[in-house]
Amino acid sequence: NVPDTGGALIVGNHAGGLWAIDAVMV
């Protein structure tokens, strides 16, 4: 579902407690 090229907005839930670890994993 993620395009190979071109702009797109990835919108996710957010958690992590001490830091935004989920953004790093994505």
mmCIF file of all heavy atoms, coordinates in Angstrom:
data_MODEL
# 
_entry.id   MODEL 
# 
loop_
_atom_site.group_PDB 
_atom_site.id 
_atom_site.type_symbol 
_atom_site.label_atom_id 
_atom_site.label_alt_id 
_atom_site.label_comp_id 
_atom_site.label_asym_id 
_atom_site.label_entity_id 
_atom_site.label_seq_id 
_atom_site.pdbx_PDB_ins_code 
_atom_site.Cartn_x 
_atom_site.Cartn_y 
_atom_site.Cartn_z 
_atom_site.occupancy 
_atom_site.B_iso_or_equiv 
_atom_site.pdbx_formal_charge 
_atom_site.auth_seq_id 
_atom_site.auth_comp_id 
_atom_site.auth_asym_id 
_atom_site.auth_atom_id 
_atom_site.pdbx_PDB_model_num 
ATOM 1   N N   . ASN A 1 1  ? 0.812  -1.219 0.000  1.00 0.00 ? 1  ASN A N   1 
ATOM 2   C CA  . ASN A 1 1  ? 0.000  0.000  0.000  1.00 0.00 ? 1  ASN A CA  1 
ATOM 3   C C   . ASN A 1 1  ? 0.846  1.271  0.000  1.00 0.00 ? 1  ASN A C   1 
ATOM 4   O O   . ASN A 1 1  ? 0.316  2.369  -0.182 1.00 0.00 ? 1  ASN A O   1 
ATOM 5   C CB  . ASN A 1 1  ? -0.925 0.005  1.224  1.00 0.00 ? 1  ASN A CB  1 
ATOM 6   C CG  . ASN A 1 1  ? -1.974 -1.091 1.157  1.00 0.00 ? 1  ASN A CG  1 
ATOM 7   O OD1 . ASN A 1 1  ? -2.622 -1.274 0.136  1.00 0.00 ? 1  ASN A OD1 1 
ATOM 8   N ND2 . ASN A 1 1  ? -2.120 -1.840 2.238  1.00 0.00 ? 1  ASN A ND2 1 
ATOM 9   N N   . VAL A 1 2  ? 2.141  1.124  0.218  1.00 0.00 ? 2  VAL A N   1 
ATOM 10  C CA  . VAL A 1 2  ? 3.048  2.274  0.197  1.00 0.00 ? 2  VAL A CA  1 
ATOM 11  C C   . VAL A 1 2  ? 3.601  2.409  -1.218 1.00 0.00 ? 2  VAL A C   1 
ATOM 12  O O   . VAL A 1 2  ? 4.222  1.475  -1.737 1.00 0.00 ? 2  VAL A O   1 
ATOM 13  C CB  . VAL A 1 2  ? 4.207  2.091  1.203  1.00 0.00 ? 2  VAL A CB  1 
ATOM 14  C CG1 . VAL A 1 2  ? 5.168  3.280  1.135  1.00 0.00 ? 2  VAL A CG1 1 
ATOM 15  C CG2 . VAL A 1 2  ? 3.656  1.923  2.613  1.00 0.00 ? 2  VAL A CG2 1 
ATOM 16  N N   . PRO A 1 3  ? 3.382  3.549  -1.881 1.00 0.00 ? 3  PRO A N   1 
ATOM 17  C CA  . PRO A 1 3  ? 3.807  3.682  -3.280 1.00 0.00 ? 3  PRO A CA  1 
ATOM 18  C C   . PRO A 1 3  ? 5.325  3.642  -3.433 1.00 0.00 ? 3  PRO A C   1 
ATOM 19  O O   . PRO A 1 3  ? 6.072  4.034  -2.531 1.00 0.00 ? 3  PRO A O   1 
ATOM 20  C CB  . PRO A 1 3  ? 3.248  5.045  -3.692 1.00 0.00 ? 3  PRO A CB  1 
ATOM 21  C CG  . PRO A 1 3  ? 3.107  5.799  -2.408 1.00 0.00 ? 3  PRO A CG  1 
ATOM 22  C CD  . PRO A 1 3  ? 2.743  4.768  -1.372 1.00 0.00 ? 3  PRO A CD  1 
ATOM 23  N N   . ASP A 1 4  ? 5.769  3.169  -4.592 1.00 0.00 ? 4  ASP A N   1 
ATOM 24  C CA  . ASP A 1 4  ? 7.205  3.125  -4.895 1.00 0.00 ? 4  ASP A CA  1 
ATOM 25  C C   . ASP A 1 4  ? 7.786  4.516  -5.111 1.00 0.00 ? 4  ASP A C   1 
ATOM 26  O O   . ASP A 1 4  ? 8.966  4.770  -4.819 1.00 0.00 ? 4  ASP A O   1 
ATOM 27  C CB  . ASP A 1 4  ? 7.463  2.281  -6.148 1.00 0.00 ? 4  ASP A CB  1 
ATOM 28  C CG  . ASP A 1 4  ? 7.173  0.812  -5.936 1.00 0.00 ? 4  ASP A CG  1 
ATOM 29  O OD1 . ASP A 1 4  ? 7.029  0.401  -4.762 1.00 0.00 ? 4  ASP A OD1 1 
ATOM 30  O OD2 . ASP A 1 4  ? 7.085  0.076  -6.930 1.00 0.00 ? 4  ASP A OD2 1 
ATOM 31  N N   . THR A 1 5  ? 6.962  5.408  -5.652 1.00 0.00 ? 5  THR A N   1 
ATOM 32  C CA  . THR A 1 5  ? 7.408  6.778  -5.928 1.00 0.00 ? 5  THR A CA  1 
ATOM 33  C C   . THR A 1 5  ? 6.280  7.744  -5.596 1.00 0.00 ? 5  THR A C   1 
ATOM 34  O O   . THR A 1 5  ? 5.125  7.352  -5.451 1.00 0.00 ? 5  THR A O   1 
ATOM 35  C CB  . THR A 1 5  ? 7.783  6.956  -7.412 1.00 0.00 ? 5  THR A CB  1 
ATOM 36  O OG1 . THR A 1 5  ? 6.631  6.649  -8.228 1.00 0.00 ? 5  THR A OG1 1 
ATOM 37  C CG2 . THR A 1 5  ? 8.933  6.031  -7.805 1.00 0.00 ? 5  THR A CG2 1 
ATOM 38  N N   . GLY A 1 6  ? 6.620  9.017  -5.521 1.00 0.00 ? 6  GLY A N   1 
ATOM 39  C CA  . GLY A 1 6  ? 5.614  10.053 -5.320 1.00 0.00 ? 6  GLY A CA  1 
ATOM 40  C C   . GLY A 1 6  ? 5.295  10.310 -3.860 1.00 0.00 ? 6  GLY A C   1 
ATOM 41  O O   . GLY A 1 6  ? 5.569  9.495  -2.976 1.00 0.00 ? 6  GLY A O   1 
ATOM 42  N N   . GLY A 1 7  ? 4.696  11.470 -3.622 1.00 0.00 ? 7  GLY A N   1 
ATOM 43  C CA  . GLY A 1 7  ? 4.371  11.873 -2.267 1.00 0.00 ? 7  GLY A CA  1 
ATOM 44  C C   . GLY A 1 7  ? 3.205  11.114 -1.679 1.00 0.00 ? 7  GLY A C   1 
ATOM 45  O O   . GLY A 1 7  ? 2.250  10.777 -2.379 1.00 0.00 ? 7  GLY A O   1 
ATOM 46  N N   . ALA A 1 8  ? 3.277  10.844 -0.394 1.00 0.00 ? 8  ALA A N   1 
ATOM 47  C CA  . ALA A 1 8  ? 2.189  10.195 0.339  1.00 0.00 ? 8  ALA A CA  1 
ATOM 48  C C   . ALA A 1 8  ? 2.367  10.513 1.813  1.00 0.00 ? 8  ALA A C   1 
ATOM 49  O O   . ALA A 1 8  ? 3.486  10.745 2.287  1.00 0.00 ? 8  ALA A O   1 
ATOM 50  C CB  . ALA A 1 8  ? 2.179  8.693  0.117  1.00 0.00 ? 8  ALA A CB  1 
ATOM 51  N N   . LEU A 1 9  ? 1.255  10.529 2.530  1.00 0.00 ? 9  LEU A N   1 
ATOM 52  C CA  . LEU A 1 9  ? 1.269  10.830 3.954  1.00 0.00 ? 9  LEU A CA  1 
ATOM 53  C C   . LEU A 1 9  ? 1.032  9.528  4.727  1.00 0.00 ? 9  LEU A C   1 
ATOM 54  O O   . LEU A 1 9  ? -0.009 8.889  4.578  1.00 0.00 ? 9  LEU A O   1 
ATOM 55  C CB  . LEU A 1 9  ? 0.169  11.848 4.269  1.00 0.00 ? 9  LEU A CB  1 
ATOM 56  C CG  . LEU A 1 9  ? 0.342  12.751 5.486  1.00 0.00 ? 9  LEU A CG  1 
ATOM 57  C CD1 . LEU A 1 9  ? 1.568  13.630 5.333  1.00 0.00 ? 9  LEU A CD1 1 
ATOM 58  C CD2 . LEU A 1 9  ? -0.897 13.615 5.686  1.00 0.00 ? 9  LEU A CD2 1 
ATOM 59  N N   . ILE A 1 10 ? 2.018  9.133  5.528  1.00 0.00 ? 10 ILE A N   1 
ATOM 60  C CA  . ILE A 1 10 ? 1.896  7.959  6.383  1.00 0.00 ? 10 ILE A CA  1 
ATOM 61  C C   . ILE A 1 10 ? 1.370  8.443  7.728  1.00 0.00 ? 10 ILE A C   1 
ATOM 62  O O   . ILE A 1 10 ? 2.023  9.248  8.400  1.00 0.00 ? 10 ILE A O   1 
ATOM 63  C CB  . ILE A 1 10 ? 3.261  7.259  6.570  1.00 0.00 ? 10 ILE A CB  1 
ATOM 64  C CG1 . ILE A 1 10 ? 3.896  6.933  5.213  1.00 0.00 ? 10 ILE A CG1 1 
ATOM 65  C CG2 . ILE A 1 10 ? 3.120  6.018  7.434  1.00 0.00 ? 10 ILE A CG2 1 
ATOM 66  C CD1 . ILE A 1 10 ? 3.165  5.899  4.414  1.00 0.00 ? 10 ILE A CD1 1 
ATOM 67  N N   . VAL A 1 11 ? 0.187  7.974  8.136  1.00 0.00 ? 11 VAL A N   1 
ATOM 68  C CA  . VAL A 1 11 ? -0.462 8.458  9.358  1.00 0.00 ? 11 VAL A CA  1 
ATOM 69  C C   . VAL A 1 11 ? -0.570 7.297  10.343 1.00 0.00 ? 11 VAL A C   1 
ATOM 70  O O   . VAL A 1 11 ? -1.201 6.283  10.046 1.00 0.00 ? 11 VAL A O   1 
ATOM 71  C CB  . VAL A 1 11 ? -1.865 9.021  9.058  1.00 0.00 ? 11 VAL A CB  1 
ATOM 72  C CG1 . VAL A 1 11 ? -2.449 9.668  10.311 1.00 0.00 ? 11 VAL A CG1 1 
ATOM 73  C CG2 . VAL A 1 11 ? -1.830 10.010 7.898  1.00 0.00 ? 11 VAL A CG2 1 
ATOM 74  N N   . GLY A 1 12 ? 0.052  7.446  11.525 1.00 0.00 ? 12 GLY A N   1 
ATOM 75  C CA  . GLY A 1 12 ? 0.070  6.336  12.460 1.00 0.00 ? 12 GLY A CA  1 
ATOM 76  C C   . GLY A 1 12 ? -0.343 6.690  13.868 1.00 0.00 ? 12 GLY A C   1 
ATOM 77  O O   . GLY A 1 12 ? -0.345 7.865  14.264 1.00 0.00 ? 12 GLY A O   1 
ATOM 78  N N   . ASN A 1 13 ? -0.700 5.661  14.638 1.00 0.00 ? 13 ASN A N   1 
ATOM 79  C CA  . ASN A 1 13 ? -0.890 5.843  16.079 1.00 0.00 ? 13 ASN A CA  1 
ATOM 80  C C   . ASN A 1 13 ? 0.476  6.071  16.712 1.00 0.00 ? 13 ASN A C   1 
ATOM 81  O O   . ASN A 1 13 ? 1.510  5.717  16.142 1.00 0.00 ? 13 ASN A O   1 
ATOM 82  C CB  . ASN A 1 13 ? -1.605 4.645  16.700 1.00 0.00 ? 13 ASN A CB  1 
ATOM 83  C CG  . ASN A 1 13 ? -0.884 3.323  16.487 1.00 0.00 ? 13 ASN A CG  1 
ATOM 84  O OD1 . ASN A 1 13 ? -0.677 2.881  15.358 1.00 0.00 ? 13 ASN A OD1 1 
ATOM 85  N ND2 . ASN A 1 13 ? -0.505 2.660  17.573 1.00 0.00 ? 13 ASN A ND2 1 
ATOM 86  N N   . HIS A 1 14 ? 0.459  6.674  17.896 1.00 0.00 ? 14 HIS A N   1 
ATOM 87  C CA  . HIS A 1 14 ? 1.725  7.129  18.482 1.00 0.00 ? 14 HIS A CA  1 
ATOM 88  C C   . HIS A 1 14 ? 1.811  6.695  19.937 1.00 0.00 ? 14 HIS A C   1 
ATOM 89  O O   . HIS A 1 14 ? 0.869  6.910  20.717 1.00 0.00 ? 14 HIS A O   1 
ATOM 90  C CB  . HIS A 1 14 ? 1.793  8.651  18.389 1.00 0.00 ? 14 HIS A CB  1 
ATOM 91  C CG  . HIS A 1 14 ? 3.174  9.201  18.278 1.00 0.00 ? 14 HIS A CG  1 
ATOM 92  N ND1 . HIS A 1 14 ? 4.261  8.470  17.871 1.00 0.00 ? 14 HIS A ND1 1 
ATOM 93  C CD2 . HIS A 1 14 ? 3.647  10.471 18.517 1.00 0.00 ? 14 HIS A CD2 1 
ATOM 94  C CE1 . HIS A 1 14 ? 5.335  9.248  17.852 1.00 0.00 ? 14 HIS A CE1 1 
ATOM 95  N NE2 . HIS A 1 14 ? 4.992  10.454 18.247 1.00 0.00 ? 14 HIS A NE2 1 
ATOM 96  N N   . ALA A 1 15 ? 2.924  6.082  20.299 1.00 0.00 ? 15 ALA A N   1 
ATOM 97  C CA  . ALA A 1 15 ? 3.163  5.674  21.681 1.00 0.00 ? 15 ALA A CA  1 
ATOM 98  C C   . ALA A 1 15 ? 4.657  5.511  21.868 1.00 0.00 ? 15 ALA A C   1 
ATOM 99  O O   . ALA A 1 15 ? 5.441  5.727  20.949 1.00 0.00 ? 15 ALA A O   1 
ATOM 100 C CB  . ALA A 1 15 ? 2.421  4.377  21.998 1.00 0.00 ? 15 ALA A CB  1 
ATOM 101 N N   . GLY A 1 16 ? 5.059  5.106  23.057 1.00 0.00 ? 16 GLY A N   1 
ATOM 102 C CA  . GLY A 1 16 ? 6.479  4.896  23.294 1.00 0.00 ? 16 GLY A CA  1 
ATOM 103 C C   . GLY A 1 16 ? 6.906  5.198  24.709 1.00 0.00 ? 16 GLY A C   1 
ATOM 104 O O   . GLY A 1 16 ? 7.893  4.668  25.194 1.00 0.00 ? 16 GLY A O   1 
ATOM 105 N N   . GLY A 1 17 ? 6.177  6.065  25.400 1.00 0.00 ? 17 GLY A N   1 
ATOM 106 C CA  . GLY A 1 17 ? 6.513  6.351  26.781 1.00 0.00 ? 17 GLY A CA  1 
ATOM 107 C C   . GLY A 1 17 ? 7.707  7.261  26.933 1.00 0.00 ? 17 GLY A C   1 
ATOM 108 O O   . GLY A 1 17 ? 7.563  8.455  27.197 1.00 0.00 ? 17 GLY A O   1 
ATOM 109 N N   . LEU A 1 18 ? 8.902  6.740  26.757 1.00 0.00 ? 18 LEU A N   1 
ATOM 110 C CA  . LEU A 1 18 ? 10.115 7.525  26.978 1.00 0.00 ? 18 LEU A CA  1 
ATOM 111 C C   . LEU A 1 18 ? 10.564 8.277  25.740 1.00 0.00 ? 18 LEU A C   1 
ATOM 112 O O   . LEU A 1 18 ? 11.224 9.306  25.847 1.00 0.00 ? 18 LEU A O   1 
ATOM 113 C CB  . LEU A 1 18 ? 11.248 6.622  27.473 1.00 0.00 ? 18 LEU A CB  1 
ATOM 114 C CG  . LEU A 1 18 ? 11.010 5.925  28.814 1.00 0.00 ? 18 LEU A CG  1 
ATOM 115 C CD1 . LEU A 1 18 ? 12.233 5.125  29.230 1.00 0.00 ? 18 LEU A CD1 1 
ATOM 116 C CD2 . LEU A 1 18 ? 10.655 6.932  29.895 1.00 0.00 ? 18 LEU A CD2 1 
ATOM 117 N N   . TRP A 1 19 ? 10.242 7.760  24.556 1.00 0.00 ? 19 TRP A N   1 
ATOM 118 C CA  . TRP A 1 19 ? 10.614 8.450  23.322 1.00 0.00 ? 19 TRP A CA  1 
ATOM 119 C C   . TRP A 1 19 ? 9.797  7.871  22.182 1.00 0.00 ? 19 TRP A C   1 
ATOM 120 O O   . TRP A 1 19 ? 9.148  6.836  22.314 1.00 0.00 ? 19 TRP A O   1 
ATOM 121 C CB  . TRP A 1 19 ? 12.108 8.354  23.048 1.00 0.00 ? 19 TRP A CB  1 
ATOM 122 C CG  . TRP A 1 19 ? 12.680 6.962  22.953 1.00 0.00 ? 19 TRP A CG  1 
ATOM 123 C CD1 . TRP A 1 19 ? 12.745 6.026  23.945 1.00 0.00 ? 19 TRP A CD1 1 
ATOM 124 C CD2 . TRP A 1 19 ? 13.291 6.360  21.814 1.00 0.00 ? 19 TRP A CD2 1 
ATOM 125 N NE1 . TRP A 1 19 ? 13.353 4.878  23.499 1.00 0.00 ? 19 TRP A NE1 1 
ATOM 126 C CE2 . TRP A 1 19 ? 13.711 5.055  22.199 1.00 0.00 ? 19 TRP A CE2 1 
ATOM 127 C CE3 . TRP A 1 19 ? 13.545 6.785  20.516 1.00 0.00 ? 19 TRP A CE3 1 
ATOM 128 C CZ2 . TRP A 1 19 ? 14.341 4.168  21.319 1.00 0.00 ? 19 TRP A CZ2 1 
ATOM 129 C CZ3 . TRP A 1 19 ? 14.187 5.912  19.643 1.00 0.00 ? 19 TRP A CZ3 1 
ATOM 130 C CH2 . TRP A 1 19 ? 14.577 4.631  20.041 1.00 0.00 ? 19 TRP A CH2 1 
ATOM 131 N N   . ALA A 1 20 ? 9.807  8.548  21.047 1.00 0.00 ? 20 ALA A N   1 
ATOM 132 C CA  . ALA A 1 20 ? 8.973  8.153  19.905 1.00 0.00 ? 20 ALA A CA  1 
ATOM 133 C C   . ALA A 1 20 ? 9.595  6.987  19.152 1.00 0.00 ? 20 ALA A C   1 
ATOM 134 O O   . ALA A 1 20 ? 9.944  7.081  17.968 1.00 0.00 ? 20 ALA A O   1 
ATOM 135 C CB  . ALA A 1 20 ? 8.762  9.348  18.974 1.00 0.00 ? 20 ALA A CB  1 
ATOM 136 N N   . ILE A 1 21 ? 9.696  5.867  19.815 1.00 0.00 ? 21 ILE A N   1 
ATOM 137 C CA  . ILE A 1 21 ? 10.348 4.700  19.243 1.00 0.00 ? 21 ILE A CA  1 
ATOM 138 C C   . ILE A 1 21 ? 9.572  4.133  18.064 1.00 0.00 ? 21 ILE A C   1 
ATOM 139 O O   . ILE A 1 21 ? 10.137 3.520  17.155 1.00 0.00 ? 21 ILE A O   1 
ATOM 140 C CB  . ILE A 1 21 ? 10.550 3.628  20.343 1.00 0.00 ? 21 ILE A CB  1 
ATOM 141 C CG1 . ILE A 1 21 ? 11.496 2.536  19.870 1.00 0.00 ? 21 ILE A CG1 1 
ATOM 142 C CG2 . ILE A 1 21 ? 9.217  3.083  20.836 1.00 0.00 ? 21 ILE A CG2 1 
ATOM 143 C CD1 . ILE A 1 21 ? 11.908 1.583  20.983 1.00 0.00 ? 21 ILE A CD1 1 
ATOM 144 N N   . ASP A 1 22 ? 8.235  4.345  18.052 1.00 0.00 ? 22 ASP A N   1 
ATOM 145 C CA  . ASP A 1 22 ? 7.437  3.807  16.954 1.00 0.00 ? 22 ASP A CA  1 
ATOM 146 C C   . ASP A 1 22 ? 7.764  4.478  15.629 1.00 0.00 ? 22 ASP A C   1 
ATOM 147 O O   . ASP A 1 22 ? 7.780  3.824  14.579 1.00 0.00 ? 22 ASP A O   1 
ATOM 148 C CB  . ASP A 1 22 ? 5.935  3.911  17.253 1.00 0.00 ? 22 ASP A CB  1 
ATOM 149 C CG  . ASP A 1 22 ? 5.510  5.283  17.751 1.00 0.00 ? 22 ASP A CG  1 
ATOM 150 O OD1 . ASP A 1 22 ? 6.334  6.226  17.733 1.00 0.00 ? 22 ASP A OD1 1 
ATOM 151 O OD2 . ASP A 1 22 ? 4.347  5.416  18.163 1.00 0.00 ? 22 ASP A OD2 1 
ATOM 152 N N   . ALA A 1 23 ? 8.062  5.781  15.653 1.00 0.00 ? 23 ALA A N   1 
ATOM 153 C CA  . ALA A 1 23 ? 8.430  6.475  14.418 1.00 0.00 ? 23 ALA A CA  1 
ATOM 154 C C   . ALA A 1 23 ? 9.710  5.886  13.832 1.00 0.00 ? 23 ALA A C   1 
ATOM 155 O O   . ALA A 1 23 ? 9.852  5.755  12.611 1.00 0.00 ? 23 ALA A O   1 
ATOM 156 C CB  . ALA A 1 23 ? 8.593  7.964  14.687 1.00 0.00 ? 23 ALA A CB  1 
ATOM 157 N N   . VAL A 1 24 ? 10.643 5.521  14.709 1.00 0.00 ? 24 VAL A N   1 
ATOM 158 C CA  . VAL A 1 24 ? 11.897 4.916  14.253 1.00 0.00 ? 24 VAL A CA  1 
ATOM 159 C C   . VAL A 1 24 ? 11.633 3.551  13.628 1.00 0.00 ? 24 VAL A C   1 
ATOM 160 O O   . VAL A 1 24 ? 12.185 3.207  12.567 1.00 0.00 ? 24 VAL A O   1 
ATOM 161 C CB  . VAL A 1 24 ? 12.893 4.786  15.430 1.00 0.00 ? 24 VAL A CB  1 
ATOM 162 C CG1 . VAL A 1 24 ? 14.169 4.075  14.979 1.00 0.00 ? 24 VAL A CG1 1 
ATOM 163 C CG2 . VAL A 1 24 ? 13.217 6.159  16.005 1.00 0.00 ? 24 VAL A CG2 1 
ATOM 164 N N   . MET A 1 25 ? 10.785 2.746  14.254 1.00 0.00 ? 25 MET A N   1 
ATOM 165 C CA  . MET A 1 25 ? 10.506 1.406  13.738 1.00 0.00 ? 25 MET A CA  1 
ATOM 166 C C   . MET A 1 25 ? 9.767  1.469  12.395 1.00 0.00 ? 25 MET A C   1 
ATOM 167 O O   . MET A 1 25 ? 10.031 0.656  11.494 1.00 0.00 ? 25 MET A O   1 
ATOM 168 C CB  . MET A 1 25 ? 9.688  0.600  14.748 1.00 0.00 ? 25 MET A CB  1 
ATOM 169 C CG  . MET A 1 25 ? 10.415 0.306  16.057 1.00 0.00 ? 25 MET A CG  1 
ATOM 170 S SD  . MET A 1 25 ? 11.948 -0.656 15.853 1.00 0.00 ? 25 MET A SD  1 
ATOM 171 C CE  . MET A 1 25 ? 13.191 0.589  16.259 1.00 0.00 ? 25 MET A CE  1 
ATOM 172 N N   . VAL A 1 26 ? 8.858  2.420  12.234 1.00 0.00 ? 26 VAL A N   1 
ATOM 173 C CA  . VAL A 1 26 ? 8.164  2.562  10.951 1.00 0.00 ? 26 VAL A CA  1 
ATOM 174 C C   . VAL A 1 26 ? 9.134  3.026  9.872  1.00 0.00 ? 26 VAL A C   1 
ATOM 175 O O   . VAL A 1 26 ? 9.083  2.563  8.726  1.00 0.00 ? 26 VAL A O   1 
ATOM 176 C CB  . VAL A 1 26 ? 6.973  3.540  11.079 1.00 0.00 ? 26 VAL A CB  1 
ATOM 177 C CG1 . VAL A 1 26 ? 6.352  3.819  9.708  1.00 0.00 ? 26 VAL A CG1 1 
ATOM 178 C CG2 . VAL A 1 26 ? 5.908  2.966  12.004 1.00 0.00 ? 26 VAL A CG2 1 
# 
